[in-house]
Amino acid sequence: MGILNKNWASWKFVRRFLLIIIIALALLYVTNVYLSPDAREDREARKYIEDLQRQYENDTYGGKTPEETLALFIDALEKGDIELASKYFVIDKQEEWRSNLMEIHSKGLLKDMIVDLHRPRNAYSLVEGGDVYIFDIYNDDNQLAVQINVQRIANGIWKIEDL
């Protein structure tokens, strides 16, 4: 009976030792794989992209055509609604353009900008039926003054990508 108790005590020791090893390995895995800076950055990047995709899917500011988007943008500027005008830009540039438009407005140049946007322009797509459309606006000397890039986003509306 003494040998049986001794074997049982050894087996209990081995089980506890293995349990400690398994817990240590699990903690090491969680620490190195899940809590590592790389894993954290990966999760944050994935969350940012998912959030941005959701914003684009729900975005209703823009037209069904590039021309309609540009007209809506100009109309918002004419009404002095910079907040609305900035919403016609792609989402990741809205804040930048809200700030740019506020600065243009504060310098008293908004009316000049509107006049320039009403100038005759060429409009074209680099690829037939493509998702990017370009407006070229010329100054009085017939030199390219402004180029506006408009793109179709995932939900089918057109947004200003760059101005």
N, C-alpha and C. Protein backbone atom coordinates (compact mmCIF):
# COMPACT_ATOMS: atom_id res chain seq x y z
N MET A 1 0.81 -1.18 0.00
CA MET A 1 0.00 0.00 0.00
C MET A 1 0.86 1.25 0.00
N GLY A 2 2.04 1.22 0.60
CA GLY A 2 2.94 2.36 0.64
C GLY A 2 3.44 2.73 -0.73
N ILE A 3 3.68 1.74 -1.58
CA ILE A 3 4.15 2.00 -2.94
C ILE A 3 3.04 2.66 -3.74
N LEU A 4 1.84 2.21 -3.55
CA LEU A 4 0.70 2.80 -4.26
C LEU A 4 0.52 4.27 -3.89
N ASN A 5 0.65 4.59 -2.63
CA ASN A 5 0.56 5.98 -2.19
C ASN A 5 1.71 6.80 -2.76
N LYS A 6 2.88 6.22 -2.82
CA LYS A 6 4.05 6.91 -3.36
C LYS A 6 3.86 7.19 -4.86
N ASN A 7 3.33 6.19 -5.59
CA ASN A 7 3.07 6.40 -7.03
C ASN A 7 1.97 7.45 -7.24
N TRP A 8 0.97 7.39 -6.38
CA TRP A 8 -0.12 8.36 -6.49
C TRP A 8 0.39 9.77 -6.22
N ALA A 9 1.26 9.94 -5.24
CA ALA A 9 1.84 11.24 -4.92
C ALA A 9 2.71 11.72 -6.08
N SER A 10 3.43 10.83 -6.70
CA SER A 10 4.27 11.20 -7.86
C SER A 10 3.37 11.63 -9.02
N TRP A 11 2.30 10.88 -9.24
CA TRP A 11 1.37 11.21 -10.32
C TRP A 11 0.72 12.57 -10.08
N LYS A 12 0.34 12.89 -8.84
CA LYS A 12 -0.23 14.20 -8.51
C LYS A 12 0.78 15.30 -8.77
N PHE A 13 2.04 15.03 -8.42
CA PHE A 13 3.10 16.01 -8.67
C PHE A 13 3.26 16.27 -10.17
N VAL A 14 3.29 15.21 -10.96
CA VAL A 14 3.44 15.32 -12.42
C VAL A 14 2.26 16.09 -13.00
N ARG A 15 1.05 15.78 -12.56
CA ARG A 15 -0.12 16.50 -13.06
C ARG A 15 -0.06 17.98 -12.74
N ARG A 16 0.31 18.33 -11.53
CA ARG A 16 0.43 19.74 -11.15
C ARG A 16 1.52 20.42 -11.96
N PHE A 17 2.63 19.73 -12.14
CA PHE A 17 3.73 20.28 -12.92
C PHE A 17 3.30 20.55 -14.36
N LEU A 18 2.60 19.57 -14.96
CA LEU A 18 2.11 19.75 -16.34
C LEU A 18 1.09 20.88 -16.42
N LEU A 19 0.24 21.00 -15.42
CA LEU A 19 -0.75 22.08 -15.40
C LEU A 19 -0.05 23.44 -15.34
N ILE A 20 0.98 23.53 -14.52
CA ILE A 20 1.74 24.79 -14.43
C ILE A 20 2.40 25.11 -15.76
N ILE A 21 2.96 24.10 -16.42
CA ILE A 21 3.60 24.30 -17.73
C ILE A 21 2.56 24.76 -18.75
N ILE A 22 1.40 24.14 -18.78
CA ILE A 22 0.34 24.51 -19.73
C ILE A 22 -0.12 25.95 -19.48
N ILE A 23 -0.31 26.32 -18.23
CA ILE A 23 -0.73 27.69 -17.90
C ILE A 23 0.35 28.69 -18.31
N ALA A 24 1.61 28.34 -18.05
CA ALA A 24 2.72 29.23 -18.43
C ALA A 24 2.78 29.41 -19.94
N LEU A 25 2.61 28.32 -20.69
CA LEU A 25 2.63 28.41 -22.15
C LEU A 25 1.44 29.24 -22.67
N ALA A 26 0.28 29.06 -22.05
CA ALA A 26 -0.89 29.84 -22.46
C ALA A 26 -0.66 31.33 -22.20
N LEU A 27 -0.10 31.66 -21.04
CA LEU A 27 0.19 33.06 -20.74
C LEU A 27 1.23 33.62 -21.69
N LEU A 28 2.23 32.82 -22.01
CA LEU A 28 3.25 33.25 -22.96
C LEU A 28 2.64 33.51 -24.33
N TYR A 29 1.75 32.62 -24.75
CA TYR A 29 1.08 32.79 -26.04
C TYR A 29 0.24 34.06 -26.05
N VAL A 30 -0.57 34.24 -25.03
CA VAL A 30 -1.44 35.42 -24.95
C VAL A 30 -0.59 36.69 -24.93
N THR A 31 0.47 36.67 -24.16
CA THR A 31 1.32 37.85 -24.05
C THR A 31 2.03 38.16 -25.37
N ASN A 32 2.57 37.15 -26.01
CA ASN A 32 3.36 37.38 -27.23
C ASN A 32 2.52 37.52 -28.48
N VAL A 33 1.40 36.83 -28.56
CA VAL A 33 0.61 36.85 -29.79
C VAL A 33 -0.54 37.84 -29.70
N TYR A 34 -1.27 37.82 -28.63
CA TYR A 34 -2.46 38.66 -28.55
C TYR A 34 -2.16 40.05 -28.01
N LEU A 35 -1.28 40.16 -27.06
CA LEU A 35 -1.02 41.46 -26.44
C LEU A 35 0.23 42.15 -26.98
N SER A 36 0.88 41.56 -27.96
CA SER A 36 2.10 42.16 -28.50
C SER A 36 1.77 43.47 -29.23
N PRO A 37 2.73 44.37 -29.31
CA PRO A 37 2.48 45.63 -30.04
C PRO A 37 2.06 45.40 -31.49
N ASP A 38 2.65 44.40 -32.15
CA ASP A 38 2.28 44.12 -33.54
C ASP A 38 0.83 43.66 -33.64
N ALA A 39 0.43 42.77 -32.73
CA ALA A 39 -0.95 42.28 -32.75
C ALA A 39 -1.92 43.41 -32.43
N ARG A 40 -1.56 44.26 -31.49
CA ARG A 40 -2.41 45.41 -31.13
C ARG A 40 -2.55 46.34 -32.33
N GLU A 41 -1.44 46.65 -32.99
CA GLU A 41 -1.49 47.52 -34.18
C GLU A 41 -2.35 46.90 -35.27
N ASP A 42 -2.20 45.58 -35.45
CA ASP A 42 -3.00 44.88 -36.47
C ASP A 42 -4.48 44.99 -36.17
N ARG A 43 -4.87 44.78 -34.91
CA ARG A 43 -6.28 44.89 -34.52
C ARG A 43 -6.79 46.31 -34.70
N GLU A 44 -5.98 47.31 -34.33
CA GLU A 44 -6.39 48.71 -34.48
C GLU A 44 -6.54 49.07 -35.96
N ALA A 45 -5.62 48.59 -36.80
CA ALA A 45 -5.70 48.87 -38.24
C ALA A 45 -6.94 48.21 -38.83
N ARG A 46 -7.20 46.98 -38.44
CA ARG A 46 -8.39 46.28 -38.95
C ARG A 46 -9.66 47.00 -38.52
N LYS A 47 -9.70 47.46 -37.26
CA LYS A 47 -10.86 48.21 -36.76
C LYS A 47 -11.04 49.52 -37.52
N TYR A 48 -9.93 50.22 -37.78
CA TYR A 48 -9.99 51.48 -38.52
C TYR A 48 -10.55 51.24 -39.92
N ILE A 49 -10.06 50.21 -40.60
CA ILE A 49 -10.53 49.93 -41.96
C ILE A 49 -12.00 49.53 -41.96
N GLU A 50 -12.40 48.70 -41.01
CA GLU A 50 -13.81 48.31 -40.92
C GLU A 50 -14.69 49.52 -40.65
N ASP A 51 -14.25 50.41 -39.77
CA ASP A 51 -15.01 51.62 -39.46
C ASP A 51 -15.10 52.52 -40.69
N LEU A 52 -14.00 52.67 -41.40
CA LEU A 52 -13.99 53.50 -42.61
C LEU A 52 -14.91 52.91 -43.68
N GLN A 53 -14.88 51.59 -43.85
CA GLN A 53 -15.77 50.95 -44.82
C GLN A 53 -17.23 51.18 -44.44
N ARG A 54 -17.54 51.08 -43.16
CA ARG A 54 -18.91 51.31 -42.69
C ARG A 54 -19.32 52.75 -42.97
N GLN A 55 -18.41 53.69 -42.73
CA GLN A 55 -18.72 55.10 -42.99
C GLN A 55 -19.00 55.32 -44.47
N TYR A 56 -18.19 54.71 -45.34
CA TYR A 56 -18.41 54.87 -46.78
C TYR A 56 -19.72 54.24 -47.22
N GLU A 57 -20.06 53.08 -46.67
CA GLU A 57 -21.31 52.42 -47.02
C GLU A 57 -22.52 53.26 -46.63
N ASN A 58 -22.41 54.00 -45.53
CA ASN A 58 -23.53 54.80 -45.02
C ASN A 58 -23.50 56.25 -45.50
N ASP A 59 -22.48 56.62 -46.25
CA ASP A 59 -22.33 58.01 -46.71
C ASP A 59 -23.36 58.32 -47.79
N THR A 60 -24.09 59.40 -47.60
CA THR A 60 -25.10 59.80 -48.59
C THR A 60 -24.76 61.13 -49.25
N TYR A 61 -23.63 61.74 -48.89
CA TYR A 61 -23.26 63.05 -49.44
C TYR A 61 -22.48 62.87 -50.72
N GLY A 62 -23.15 63.17 -51.82
CA GLY A 62 -22.54 63.05 -53.13
C GLY A 62 -23.63 62.85 -54.15
N GLY A 63 -23.25 62.93 -55.40
CA GLY A 63 -24.23 62.79 -56.46
C GLY A 63 -24.17 61.43 -57.13
N LYS A 64 -25.13 61.22 -58.01
CA LYS A 64 -25.17 59.98 -58.79
C LYS A 64 -24.22 60.05 -59.97
N THR A 65 -23.74 61.28 -60.26
CA THR A 65 -22.76 61.49 -61.32
C THR A 65 -21.67 62.42 -60.78
N PRO A 66 -20.52 62.44 -61.42
CA PRO A 66 -19.48 63.38 -60.99
C PRO A 66 -19.94 64.83 -61.10
N GLU A 67 -20.67 65.14 -62.17
CA GLU A 67 -21.16 66.50 -62.37
C GLU A 67 -22.12 66.93 -61.26
N GLU A 68 -22.97 66.00 -60.85
CA GLU A 68 -23.92 66.32 -59.78
C GLU A 68 -23.18 66.59 -58.46
N THR A 69 -22.16 65.80 -58.18
CA THR A 69 -21.38 66.02 -56.95
C THR A 69 -20.72 67.39 -56.97
N LEU A 70 -20.12 67.75 -58.10
CA LEU A 70 -19.48 69.05 -58.21
C LEU A 70 -20.50 70.17 -58.06
N ALA A 71 -21.68 70.01 -58.66
CA ALA A 71 -22.74 71.02 -58.54
C ALA A 71 -23.21 71.15 -57.09
N LEU A 72 -23.35 70.04 -56.39
CA LEU A 72 -23.76 70.07 -54.98
C LEU A 72 -22.70 70.77 -54.12
N PHE A 73 -21.44 70.50 -54.42
CA PHE A 73 -20.34 71.12 -53.70
C PHE A 73 -20.36 72.64 -53.90
N ILE A 74 -20.49 73.07 -55.15
CA ILE A 74 -20.51 74.51 -55.46
C ILE A 74 -21.72 75.17 -54.81
N ASP A 75 -22.87 74.51 -54.86
CA ASP A 75 -24.08 75.05 -54.23
C ASP A 75 -23.89 75.25 -52.73
N ALA A 76 -23.26 74.28 -52.07
CA ALA A 76 -23.00 74.41 -50.62
C ALA A 76 -22.07 75.59 -50.35
N LEU A 77 -21.05 75.76 -51.20
CA LEU A 77 -20.13 76.90 -51.03
C LEU A 77 -20.87 78.22 -51.22
N GLU A 78 -21.75 78.28 -52.24
CA GLU A 78 -22.50 79.51 -52.50
C GLU A 78 -23.40 79.88 -51.32
N LYS A 79 -23.87 78.87 -50.60
CA LYS A 79 -24.71 79.12 -49.42
C LYS A 79 -23.86 79.39 -48.18
N GLY A 80 -22.54 79.28 -48.33
CA GLY A 80 -21.64 79.50 -47.19
C GLY A 80 -21.62 78.34 -46.21
N ASP A 81 -22.13 77.19 -46.62
CA ASP A 81 -22.20 76.02 -45.75
C ASP A 81 -20.94 75.17 -45.93
N ILE A 82 -19.90 75.54 -45.24
CA ILE A 82 -18.61 74.86 -45.36
C ILE A 82 -18.70 73.44 -44.82
N GLU A 83 -19.45 73.27 -43.77
CA GLU A 83 -19.63 71.92 -43.19
C GLU A 83 -20.20 70.97 -44.24
N LEU A 84 -21.25 71.40 -44.92
CA LEU A 84 -21.86 70.58 -45.96
C LEU A 84 -20.90 70.40 -47.13
N ALA A 85 -20.26 71.46 -47.56
CA ALA A 85 -19.33 71.37 -48.69
C ALA A 85 -18.23 70.35 -48.42
N SER A 86 -17.73 70.30 -47.20
CA SER A 86 -16.65 69.36 -46.88
C SER A 86 -17.13 67.91 -46.93
N LYS A 87 -18.41 67.68 -46.77
CA LYS A 87 -18.95 66.31 -46.79
C LYS A 87 -18.96 65.71 -48.19
N TYR A 88 -18.74 66.53 -49.21
CA TYR A 88 -18.69 66.01 -50.58
C TYR A 88 -17.31 65.45 -50.92
N PHE A 89 -16.37 65.57 -49.99
CA PHE A 89 -15.05 64.97 -50.17
C PHE A 89 -15.08 63.55 -49.63
N VAL A 90 -14.12 62.73 -50.09
CA VAL A 90 -14.00 61.39 -49.54
C VAL A 90 -13.79 61.52 -48.04
N ILE A 91 -14.23 60.54 -47.30
CA ILE A 91 -14.29 60.64 -45.84
C ILE A 91 -12.95 60.96 -45.20
N ASP A 92 -11.89 60.33 -45.67
CA ASP A 92 -10.61 60.56 -45.01
C ASP A 92 -9.99 61.91 -45.35
N LYS A 93 -10.64 62.71 -46.19
CA LYS A 93 -10.14 64.06 -46.48
C LYS A 93 -11.11 65.15 -46.04
N GLN A 94 -12.23 64.78 -45.45
CA GLN A 94 -13.24 65.78 -45.08
C GLN A 94 -12.72 66.77 -44.05
N GLU A 95 -12.06 66.29 -43.04
CA GLU A 95 -11.57 67.18 -41.99
C GLU A 95 -10.53 68.15 -42.55
N GLU A 96 -9.64 67.63 -43.38
CA GLU A 96 -8.61 68.48 -44.02
C GLU A 96 -9.27 69.57 -44.86
N TRP A 97 -10.28 69.19 -45.65
CA TRP A 97 -10.92 70.18 -46.52
C TRP A 97 -11.85 71.12 -45.75
N ARG A 98 -12.42 70.66 -44.66
CA ARG A 98 -13.21 71.57 -43.82
C ARG A 98 -12.29 72.68 -43.33
N SER A 99 -11.11 72.30 -42.89
CA SER A 99 -10.13 73.28 -42.40
C SER A 99 -9.67 74.19 -43.54
N ASN A 100 -9.38 73.62 -44.70
CA ASN A 100 -8.95 74.42 -45.86
C ASN A 100 -10.03 75.43 -46.27
N LEU A 101 -11.27 74.96 -46.32
CA LEU A 101 -12.37 75.84 -46.72
C LEU A 101 -12.62 76.93 -45.69
N MET A 102 -12.47 76.60 -44.41
CA MET A 102 -12.62 77.62 -43.36
C MET A 102 -11.55 78.70 -43.52
N GLU A 103 -10.35 78.29 -43.84
CA GLU A 103 -9.26 79.24 -44.04
C GLU A 103 -9.52 80.12 -45.27
N ILE A 104 -9.96 79.50 -46.36
CA ILE A 104 -10.30 80.25 -47.57
C ILE A 104 -11.40 81.26 -47.26
N HIS A 105 -12.39 80.84 -46.51
CA HIS A 105 -13.50 81.72 -46.13
C HIS A 105 -13.02 82.87 -45.24
N SER A 106 -12.17 82.55 -44.26
CA SER A 106 -11.70 83.58 -43.33
C SER A 106 -10.81 84.62 -44.03
N LYS A 107 -10.18 84.22 -45.12
CA LYS A 107 -9.35 85.16 -45.88
C LYS A 107 -10.18 85.95 -46.90
N GLY A 108 -11.49 85.67 -46.96
CA GLY A 108 -12.35 86.39 -47.89
C GLY A 108 -12.19 85.93 -49.33
N LEU A 109 -11.73 84.70 -49.54
CA LEU A 109 -11.47 84.20 -50.90
C LEU A 109 -12.51 83.19 -51.38
N LEU A 110 -13.54 82.96 -50.60
CA LEU A 110 -14.53 81.96 -50.97
C LEU A 110 -15.27 82.33 -52.25
N LYS A 111 -15.62 83.61 -52.40
CA LYS A 111 -16.32 84.03 -53.63
C LYS A 111 -15.43 83.85 -54.86
N ASP A 112 -14.14 84.13 -54.72
CA ASP A 112 -13.21 83.91 -55.83
C ASP A 112 -13.15 82.43 -56.19
N MET A 113 -13.15 81.59 -55.18
CA MET A 113 -13.11 80.15 -55.42
C MET A 113 -14.36 79.70 -56.18
N ILE A 114 -15.50 80.23 -55.76
CA ILE A 114 -16.76 79.87 -56.43
C ILE A 114 -16.74 80.32 -57.89
N VAL A 115 -16.26 81.54 -58.14
CA VAL A 115 -16.15 82.04 -59.51
C VAL A 115 -15.26 81.10 -60.33
N ASP A 116 -14.13 80.69 -59.75
CA ASP A 116 -13.22 79.77 -60.45
C ASP A 116 -13.89 78.43 -60.74
N LEU A 117 -14.67 77.94 -59.80
CA LEU A 117 -15.33 76.65 -59.99
C LEU A 117 -16.42 76.70 -61.07
N HIS A 118 -16.92 77.90 -61.35
CA HIS A 118 -17.93 78.07 -62.40
C HIS A 118 -17.32 78.27 -63.79
N ARG A 119 -16.02 78.40 -63.86
CA ARG A 119 -15.36 78.60 -65.16
C ARG A 119 -15.59 77.39 -66.06
N PRO A 120 -15.44 77.61 -67.36
CA PRO A 120 -15.55 76.47 -68.29
C PRO A 120 -14.52 75.40 -67.91
N ARG A 121 -14.91 74.17 -68.11
CA ARG A 121 -14.03 73.07 -67.72
C ARG A 121 -14.16 71.90 -68.69
N ASN A 122 -13.08 71.15 -68.74
CA ASN A 122 -13.10 69.87 -69.45
C ASN A 122 -13.36 68.80 -68.42
N ALA A 123 -14.10 67.80 -68.82
CA ALA A 123 -14.39 66.70 -67.91
C ALA A 123 -14.13 65.39 -68.65
N TYR A 124 -13.45 64.48 -67.96
CA TYR A 124 -13.13 63.20 -68.61
C TYR A 124 -12.80 62.15 -67.57
N SER A 125 -12.88 60.92 -68.03
CA SER A 125 -12.49 59.78 -67.21
C SER A 125 -11.27 59.15 -67.88
N LEU A 126 -10.31 58.73 -67.09
CA LEU A 126 -9.11 58.12 -67.66
C LEU A 126 -9.41 56.76 -68.28
N VAL A 127 -10.42 56.10 -67.75
CA VAL A 127 -10.82 54.79 -68.25
C VAL A 127 -12.31 54.87 -68.57
N GLU A 128 -12.69 54.42 -69.74
CA GLU A 128 -14.10 54.45 -70.13
C GLU A 128 -14.95 53.72 -69.09
N GLY A 129 -15.92 54.43 -68.54
CA GLY A 129 -16.79 53.84 -67.51
C GLY A 129 -16.09 53.63 -66.19
N GLY A 130 -14.97 54.30 -66.00
CA GLY A 130 -14.20 54.10 -64.77
C GLY A 130 -14.80 54.79 -63.56
N ASP A 131 -14.16 54.58 -62.44
CA ASP A 131 -14.65 55.12 -61.17
C ASP A 131 -13.94 56.40 -60.77
N VAL A 132 -13.13 56.95 -61.67
CA VAL A 132 -12.44 58.22 -61.40
C VAL A 132 -12.75 59.16 -62.55
N TYR A 133 -13.12 60.38 -62.20
CA TYR A 133 -13.50 61.40 -63.19
C TYR A 133 -12.70 62.66 -62.85
N ILE A 134 -12.26 63.36 -63.87
CA ILE A 134 -11.41 64.54 -63.65
C ILE A 134 -12.04 65.75 -64.34
N PHE A 135 -12.07 66.86 -63.60
CA PHE A 135 -12.50 68.14 -64.14
C PHE A 135 -11.26 69.03 -64.22
N ASP A 136 -10.98 69.56 -65.39
CA ASP A 136 -9.90 70.54 -65.57
C ASP A 136 -10.54 71.91 -65.73
N ILE A 137 -10.16 72.86 -64.88
CA ILE A 137 -10.69 74.22 -64.94
C ILE A 137 -9.54 75.15 -65.32
N TYR A 138 -9.78 76.00 -66.32
CA TYR A 138 -8.74 76.86 -66.86
C TYR A 138 -8.95 78.31 -66.45
N ASN A 139 -7.85 79.05 -66.34
CA ASN A 139 -7.92 80.47 -66.00
C ASN A 139 -8.15 81.29 -67.27
N ASP A 140 -8.12 82.63 -67.15
CA ASP A 140 -8.36 83.52 -68.29
C ASP A 140 -7.30 83.38 -69.39
N ASP A 141 -6.11 82.91 -69.04
CA ASP A 141 -5.04 82.71 -70.01
C ASP A 141 -5.08 81.31 -70.61
N ASN A 142 -6.16 80.60 -70.36
CA ASN A 142 -6.35 79.24 -70.87
C ASN A 142 -5.28 78.27 -70.35
N GLN A 143 -4.84 78.53 -69.13
CA GLN A 143 -3.90 77.62 -68.47
C GLN A 143 -4.64 76.85 -67.40
N LEU A 144 -4.24 75.61 -67.21
CA LEU A 144 -4.88 74.78 -66.20
C LEU A 144 -4.69 75.42 -64.83
N ALA A 145 -5.80 75.77 -64.17
CA ALA A 145 -5.75 76.43 -62.87
C ALA A 145 -6.10 75.47 -61.74
N VAL A 146 -7.08 74.61 -62.00
CA VAL A 146 -7.56 73.69 -60.97
C VAL A 146 -7.90 72.36 -61.62
N GLN A 147 -7.56 71.30 -60.92
CA GLN A 147 -7.97 69.97 -61.37
C GLN A 147 -8.70 69.32 -60.20
N ILE A 148 -9.90 68.84 -60.49
CA ILE A 148 -10.73 68.21 -59.46
C ILE A 148 -10.90 66.74 -59.81
N ASN A 149 -10.49 65.88 -58.90
CA ASN A 149 -10.64 64.44 -59.08
C ASN A 149 -11.85 63.98 -58.27
N VAL A 150 -12.74 63.29 -58.94
CA VAL A 150 -13.95 62.78 -58.29
C VAL A 150 -13.95 61.26 -58.49
N GLN A 151 -14.32 60.53 -57.46
CA GLN A 151 -14.33 59.08 -57.58
C GLN A 151 -15.63 58.49 -57.07
N ARG A 152 -15.99 57.37 -57.67
CA ARG A 152 -17.20 56.66 -57.23
C ARG A 152 -16.79 55.74 -56.08
N ILE A 153 -17.53 55.82 -54.98
CA ILE A 153 -17.21 54.97 -53.84
C ILE A 153 -18.09 53.72 -53.87
N ALA A 154 -17.87 52.84 -52.90
CA ALA A 154 -18.50 51.51 -52.90
C ALA A 154 -20.02 51.56 -52.99
N ASN A 155 -20.66 52.56 -52.41
CA ASN A 155 -22.13 52.60 -52.43
C ASN A 155 -22.68 53.28 -53.70
N GLY A 156 -21.80 53.64 -54.63
CA GLY A 156 -22.23 54.16 -55.93
C GLY A 156 -22.27 55.66 -56.06
N ILE A 157 -22.11 56.41 -54.97
CA ILE A 157 -22.12 57.86 -55.10
C ILE A 157 -20.71 58.36 -55.42
N TRP A 158 -20.66 59.57 -55.94
CA TRP A 158 -19.40 60.18 -56.33
C TRP A 158 -18.96 61.17 -55.26
N LYS A 159 -17.67 61.13 -54.92
CA LYS A 159 -17.10 62.01 -53.90
C LYS A 159 -15.88 62.70 -54.49
N ILE A 160 -15.60 63.91 -54.03
CA ILE A 160 -14.41 64.64 -54.45
C ILE A 160 -13.22 64.03 -53.71
N GLU A 161 -12.24 63.59 -54.48
CA GLU A 161 -11.04 62.99 -53.89
C GLU A 161 -9.96 64.03 -53.67
N ASP A 162 -9.88 64.95 -54.63
CA ASP A 162 -8.85 65.99 -54.51
C ASP A 162 -9.27 67.21 -55.32
N LEU A 163 -8.81 68.36 -54.84
CA LEU A 163 -9.16 69.64 -55.47
C LEU A 163 -7.91 70.48 -55.49
